Amino acid sequence: MHLTPDITGPHGGGDRRIGRPLPLADRVVAALQEDIETGRFGAGARLPTEPELAASFGVSRTVIREAVSRLKADGMVVSRQGAGVFVSDAPLQRSFRIRDAEVGSGVALREIFELRLCLEVEGAGLAAIRRSPADLAALRHWLEEMDRTKLGQDLGVGADIEFHRAVAAASGNGKVAEFQRYLSLLLHQSVTIARSNTLKQKGPAYVDSVIGEHSDICLAIEAGSAANARDAMRRHLLQAAMRLGLIGEEEAALLS
C-alpha cells in the first residue's frame, strides 16, 4: 500500500498508519517526498503541523520531527519561524534520485548493487579505522537481531538493513551515512527477495551463512583492519547479488 497524505481538513484527518519493518521515520520521509514530487504539496505549500502529521501517519511526534529534519537537510522543505514548515521554492532540484519504480527493474537493481559496492566497501574500510565503542555495540546489536529474527515475519531483513546503516555511521563520514540512509529506503524489497530465495533454495541453515557474512564484516571492523573489512563487505555484497540473480559466479570472481 502506497502512503499518500489524506489531509482532509485543517486538522489533517485521514489515517496513514505505518507498519514495520523499515524505520518509521524512513517511511514518513519516503511518503512526504513523493507527496512533494507529485505536487500534492506544491512549491511554497505549508505542510500540516507536527501533531497533524503524527496523527495522520499514526506515529509519534518524535518520528515526524526526525523525518521533517531530513527533508530540511535535503532542501525539500524550509522552516519559517512562527509560520510552520513549507515546501521549498525549488523542491525537485536534487542532484540524485532513484525512484521506487526503477528498483523493480533488473538493470536498475544491478546498478544499485554496483553502487553499493562503490560506497559500502570503502565505507567498511573507514569504519574499521574510525569506529567507536558505541559503533561496535550497534553492530553487535544488529547482528544479534539478525539472528534472532532470521525466521520471523521479516526474515531478519530489518536488522540486516540497520546493520549496514550502522557500518556507514561507523565510517565517521556523515555523507556516507546520509547516502546509506537514502539507499536503505530502497533496499528492503531487494534484500527480502534475496533472503526469501536463500530460504527456498538452500533452506534455513544457509541463512546462518548469510549472517556469517555480516559477522565477518563486524569482526574485521572490530579488529581495526580496513583491508579485511573491505574484503568482507565486498564478498557479502557479491554473494547478495548472486542470490538475487544479478550476476553469475564468474563475474563475481572477477569482481572479488
Protein backbone atom coordinates (compact mmCIF):
# COMPACT_ATOMS: atom_id res chain seq x y z
CA MET A 1 0.00 0.00 0.00
CA HIS A 2 1.41 3.35 -1.00
CA LEU A 3 1.42 6.05 1.63
CA THR A 4 -0.05 9.33 0.44
CA PRO A 5 -1.44 12.16 2.52
CA ASP A 6 -5.11 12.24 3.29
CA ILE A 7 -5.30 15.69 4.77
CA THR A 8 -8.99 16.35 4.51
CA GLY A 9 -9.19 19.43 6.64
CA PRO A 10 -7.21 21.84 8.77
CA HIS A 11 -6.54 19.12 11.32
CA GLY A 12 -5.27 16.58 8.84
CA GLY A 13 -7.92 13.88 9.01
CA GLY A 14 -7.20 10.53 7.44
CA ASP A 15 -5.25 7.59 8.71
CA ARG A 16 -1.90 6.54 7.22
CA ARG A 17 -0.63 4.27 9.94
CA ILE A 18 2.69 2.75 9.03
CA GLY A 19 3.88 -0.74 9.80
CA ARG A 20 7.36 -2.14 10.12
CA PRO A 21 9.97 -3.34 9.25
CA LEU A 22 11.55 -0.16 7.83
CA PRO A 23 12.25 2.52 10.45
CA LEU A 24 9.18 4.70 10.77
CA ALA A 25 10.98 7.96 10.03
CA ASP A 26 12.25 6.50 6.76
CA ARG A 27 8.74 5.56 5.71
CA VAL A 28 7.44 9.04 6.54
CA VAL A 29 10.30 10.66 4.61
CA ALA A 30 9.58 8.50 1.56
CA ALA A 31 5.86 9.28 1.67
CA LEU A 32 6.33 13.03 2.07
CA GLN A 33 8.97 13.11 -0.66
CA GLU A 34 6.54 11.55 -3.07
CA ASP A 35 3.79 13.92 -1.97
CA ILE A 36 6.07 16.83 -2.86
CA GLU A 37 7.29 15.32 -6.13
CA THR A 38 3.78 14.54 -7.35
CA GLY A 39 2.60 18.05 -6.49
CA ARG A 40 0.25 17.14 -3.68
CA PHE A 41 2.26 19.61 -1.66
CA GLY A 42 3.48 22.10 -4.27
CA ALA A 43 6.30 24.61 -4.04
CA GLY A 44 5.55 27.09 -1.27
CA ALA A 45 2.81 24.95 0.28
CA ARG A 46 2.66 24.71 4.04
CA LEU A 47 2.94 21.21 5.45
CA PRO A 48 0.44 20.06 8.08
CA THR A 49 1.58 20.72 11.64
CA GLU A 50 3.67 18.22 13.54
CA PRO A 51 0.68 16.95 15.59
CA GLU A 52 -1.42 16.67 12.41
CA LEU A 53 1.23 14.65 10.63
CA ALA A 54 1.75 12.44 13.67
CA ALA A 55 -1.98 11.70 13.83
CA SER A 56 -2.20 11.15 10.08
CA PHE A 57 0.68 8.66 9.98
CA GLY A 58 -0.09 7.11 13.35
CA VAL A 59 3.43 7.70 14.67
CA SER A 60 4.97 9.79 17.42
CA ARG A 61 5.84 13.45 17.05
CA THR A 62 9.50 12.45 17.52
CA VAL A 63 9.31 10.38 14.34
CA ILE A 64 7.73 13.28 12.45
CA ARG A 65 10.37 15.64 13.79
CA GLU A 66 13.17 13.38 12.52
CA ALA A 67 11.51 12.98 9.11
CA VAL A 68 11.00 16.71 8.66
CA SER A 69 14.59 17.32 9.76
CA ARG A 70 15.81 15.04 6.97
CA LEU A 71 13.63 16.81 4.43
CA LYS A 72 15.10 20.12 5.56
CA ALA A 73 18.63 18.75 5.21
CA ASP A 74 17.73 17.62 1.70
CA GLY A 75 16.48 21.10 0.81
CA MET A 76 12.93 19.96 0.16
CA VAL A 77 11.31 21.96 2.96
CA VAL A 78 12.19 25.07 4.94
CA SER A 79 11.07 26.39 8.31
CA ARG A 80 9.68 29.86 8.75
CA GLN A 81 9.73 30.98 12.32
CA GLY A 82 6.26 31.23 13.76
CA ALA A 83 4.63 30.15 10.49
CA GLY A 84 5.50 26.48 10.09
CA VAL A 85 7.26 24.26 7.59
CA PHE A 86 6.90 24.95 3.87
CA VAL A 87 7.88 23.16 0.68
CA SER A 88 10.91 24.97 -0.73
CA ASP A 89 10.59 27.05 -3.88
CA ALA A 90 12.64 24.51 -5.85
CA PRO A 91 12.00 21.17 -4.10
CA LEU A 92 12.87 19.00 -7.08
CA GLN A 93 16.34 20.39 -7.73
CA ARG A 94 18.10 17.38 -6.27
CA SER A 95 21.39 16.05 -7.56
CA PHE A 96 20.48 12.40 -7.25
CA ARG A 97 17.33 10.33 -7.23
CA ILE A 98 16.40 6.67 -7.57
CA ARG A 99 12.69 6.21 -7.96
CA ASP A 100 10.82 3.25 -6.48
CA ALA A 101 9.72 2.15 -9.95
CA GLU A 102 13.35 1.85 -11.04
CA VAL A 103 14.12 -0.58 -8.24
CA GLY A 104 11.73 -3.07 -9.83
CA SER A 105 13.92 -3.15 -12.94
CA GLY A 106 16.63 -5.81 -13.00
CA VAL A 107 19.04 -3.45 -14.73
CA ALA A 108 18.49 -0.69 -12.17
CA LEU A 109 18.78 -3.13 -9.27
CA ARG A 110 22.08 -4.38 -10.63
CA GLU A 111 23.28 -0.79 -10.90
CA ILE A 112 22.21 -0.16 -7.31
CA PHE A 113 24.25 -3.14 -6.14
CA GLU A 114 27.25 -1.89 -8.11
CA LEU A 115 26.73 1.48 -6.45
CA ARG A 116 26.65 -0.28 -3.09
CA LEU A 117 29.98 -1.91 -3.91
CA CYS A 118 31.49 1.52 -4.54
CA LEU A 119 30.01 3.04 -1.41
CA GLU A 120 29.86 0.30 1.20
CA VAL A 121 33.19 -1.41 0.56
CA GLU A 122 35.15 1.77 1.22
CA GLY A 123 32.71 2.73 3.98
CA ALA A 124 33.56 -0.51 5.78
CA GLY A 125 37.25 0.31 5.45
CA LEU A 126 36.70 3.72 7.02
CA ALA A 127 34.60 2.13 9.77
CA ALA A 128 37.49 -0.19 10.70
CA ILE A 129 39.71 2.84 11.21
CA ARG A 130 37.26 5.21 12.89
CA ARG A 131 34.75 3.02 14.78
CA SER A 132 33.94 3.94 18.36
CA PRO A 133 32.86 1.62 21.18
CA ALA A 134 29.28 2.78 20.58
CA ASP A 135 29.59 1.91 16.89
CA LEU A 136 30.83 -1.58 17.73
CA ALA A 137 27.98 -2.06 20.19
CA ALA A 138 25.49 -1.07 17.49
CA LEU A 139 27.00 -3.54 15.00
CA ARG A 140 26.84 -6.34 17.55
CA HIS A 141 23.27 -5.45 18.45
CA TRP A 142 22.03 -5.62 14.87
CA LEU A 143 24.00 -8.79 14.23
CA GLU A 144 22.25 -10.42 17.18
CA GLU A 145 18.89 -9.07 15.99
CA MET A 146 19.51 -10.55 12.56
CA ASP A 147 19.99 -13.96 14.14
CA ARG A 148 17.04 -13.57 16.50
CA THR A 149 14.62 -12.55 13.74
CA LYS A 150 16.02 -14.64 10.85
CA LEU A 151 12.97 -16.91 10.71
CA GLY A 152 10.47 -14.28 11.83
CA GLN A 153 8.00 -12.28 9.83
CA ASP A 154 10.59 -10.12 8.08
CA LEU A 155 13.30 -12.83 7.91
CA GLY A 156 15.76 -10.57 9.71
CA VAL A 157 15.77 -8.06 6.84
CA GLY A 158 15.07 -5.06 9.05
CA ALA A 159 18.08 -5.86 11.23
CA ASP A 160 20.18 -6.52 8.12
CA ILE A 161 19.47 -3.04 6.76
CA GLU A 162 20.15 -1.47 10.16
CA PHE A 163 23.49 -3.31 10.31
CA HIS A 164 24.56 -1.72 7.04
CA ARG A 165 23.43 1.67 8.29
CA ALA A 166 25.49 1.12 11.44
CA VAL A 167 28.57 0.36 9.32
CA ALA A 168 28.01 3.59 7.41
CA ALA A 169 27.61 5.52 10.66
CA ALA A 170 30.84 3.98 11.97
CA SER A 171 32.68 5.31 8.91
CA GLY A 172 32.65 8.71 10.57
CA ASN A 173 31.66 10.28 7.26
CA GLY A 174 28.30 12.00 7.51
CA LYS A 175 27.75 11.95 3.73
CA VAL A 176 28.36 8.20 3.56
CA ALA A 177 25.89 7.69 6.42
CA GLU A 178 23.35 10.01 4.80
CA PHE A 179 23.55 8.29 1.43
CA GLN A 180 23.31 4.86 3.04
CA ARG A 181 20.19 6.02 4.83
CA TYR A 182 18.77 7.10 1.48
CA LEU A 183 19.60 3.74 -0.08
CA SER A 184 18.00 1.91 2.84
CA LEU A 185 14.65 3.33 1.75
CA LEU A 186 15.04 1.34 -1.46
CA LEU A 187 16.76 -1.81 -0.26
CA HIS A 188 14.12 -3.53 1.83
CA GLN A 189 12.37 -5.24 -1.08
CA SER A 190 15.54 -6.48 -2.76
CA VAL A 191 17.07 -7.77 0.49
CA THR A 192 13.79 -9.53 1.31
CA ILE A 193 13.78 -11.21 -2.10
CA ALA A 194 17.37 -12.34 -1.65
CA ARG A 195 16.65 -13.73 1.81
CA SER A 196 13.49 -15.49 0.60
CA ASN A 197 15.41 -17.00 -2.32
CA THR A 198 18.04 -18.27 0.08
CA LEU A 199 15.43 -19.96 2.27
CA LYS A 200 13.63 -21.57 -0.66
CA GLN A 201 16.71 -22.80 -2.49
CA LYS A 202 19.05 -23.78 0.33
CA GLY A 203 16.96 -23.96 3.49
CA PRO A 204 17.04 -22.22 6.88
CA ALA A 205 20.52 -23.44 7.75
CA TYR A 206 22.00 -21.48 4.86
CA VAL A 207 20.66 -18.24 6.31
CA ASP A 208 23.26 -18.70 9.05
CA SER A 209 25.97 -18.40 6.41
CA VAL A 210 24.42 -15.10 5.29
CA ILE A 211 24.54 -13.88 8.88
CA GLY A 212 28.11 -15.18 8.95
CA GLU A 213 28.95 -12.79 6.10
CA HIS A 214 27.81 -9.93 8.30
CA SER A 215 29.72 -11.35 11.24
CA ASP A 216 32.92 -11.32 9.16
CA ILE A 217 32.36 -7.63 8.43
CA CYS A 218 31.78 -6.92 12.11
CA LEU A 219 34.88 -8.85 13.21
CA ALA A 220 37.09 -7.06 10.69
CA ILE A 221 35.81 -3.67 11.83
CA GLU A 222 36.32 -4.65 15.47
CA ALA A 223 39.88 -5.72 14.66
CA GLY A 224 40.55 -2.36 13.03
CA SER A 225 41.58 -3.96 9.73
CA ALA A 226 40.46 -1.73 6.85
CA ALA A 227 41.64 -4.24 4.23
CA ASN A 228 39.76 -7.14 5.82
CA ALA A 229 36.65 -5.02 6.34
CA ARG A 230 36.63 -4.01 2.69
CA ASP A 231 37.14 -7.62 1.59
CA ALA A 232 34.37 -8.90 3.88
CA MET A 233 31.90 -6.27 2.67
CA ARG A 234 32.77 -6.94 -0.97
CA ARG A 235 32.27 -10.70 -0.52
CA HIS A 236 28.93 -10.15 1.16
CA LEU A 237 27.58 -7.78 -1.49
CA LEU A 238 28.70 -10.03 -4.34
CA GLN A 239 27.06 -13.02 -2.66
CA ALA A 240 23.88 -10.98 -2.20
CA ALA A 241 23.92 -10.01 -5.88
CA MET A 242 24.27 -13.67 -6.84
CA ARG A 243 21.38 -14.61 -4.56
CA LEU A 244 19.28 -12.12 -6.50
CA GLY A 245 20.47 -13.49 -9.81
CA LEU A 246 22.04 -10.15 -10.76
CA ILE A 247 25.47 -11.62 -11.51
CA GLY A 248 26.94 -15.07 -12.02
CA GLU A 249 29.78 -16.80 -10.21
CA GLU A 250 32.28 -15.99 -12.96
CA GLU A 251 31.62 -12.26 -12.83
CA ALA A 252 31.59 -12.30 -9.04
CA ALA A 253 35.02 -13.92 -9.11
CA LEU A 254 36.32 -11.19 -11.42
CA LEU A 255 34.97 -8.50 -9.06
CA SER A 256 36.35 -10.14 -5.90
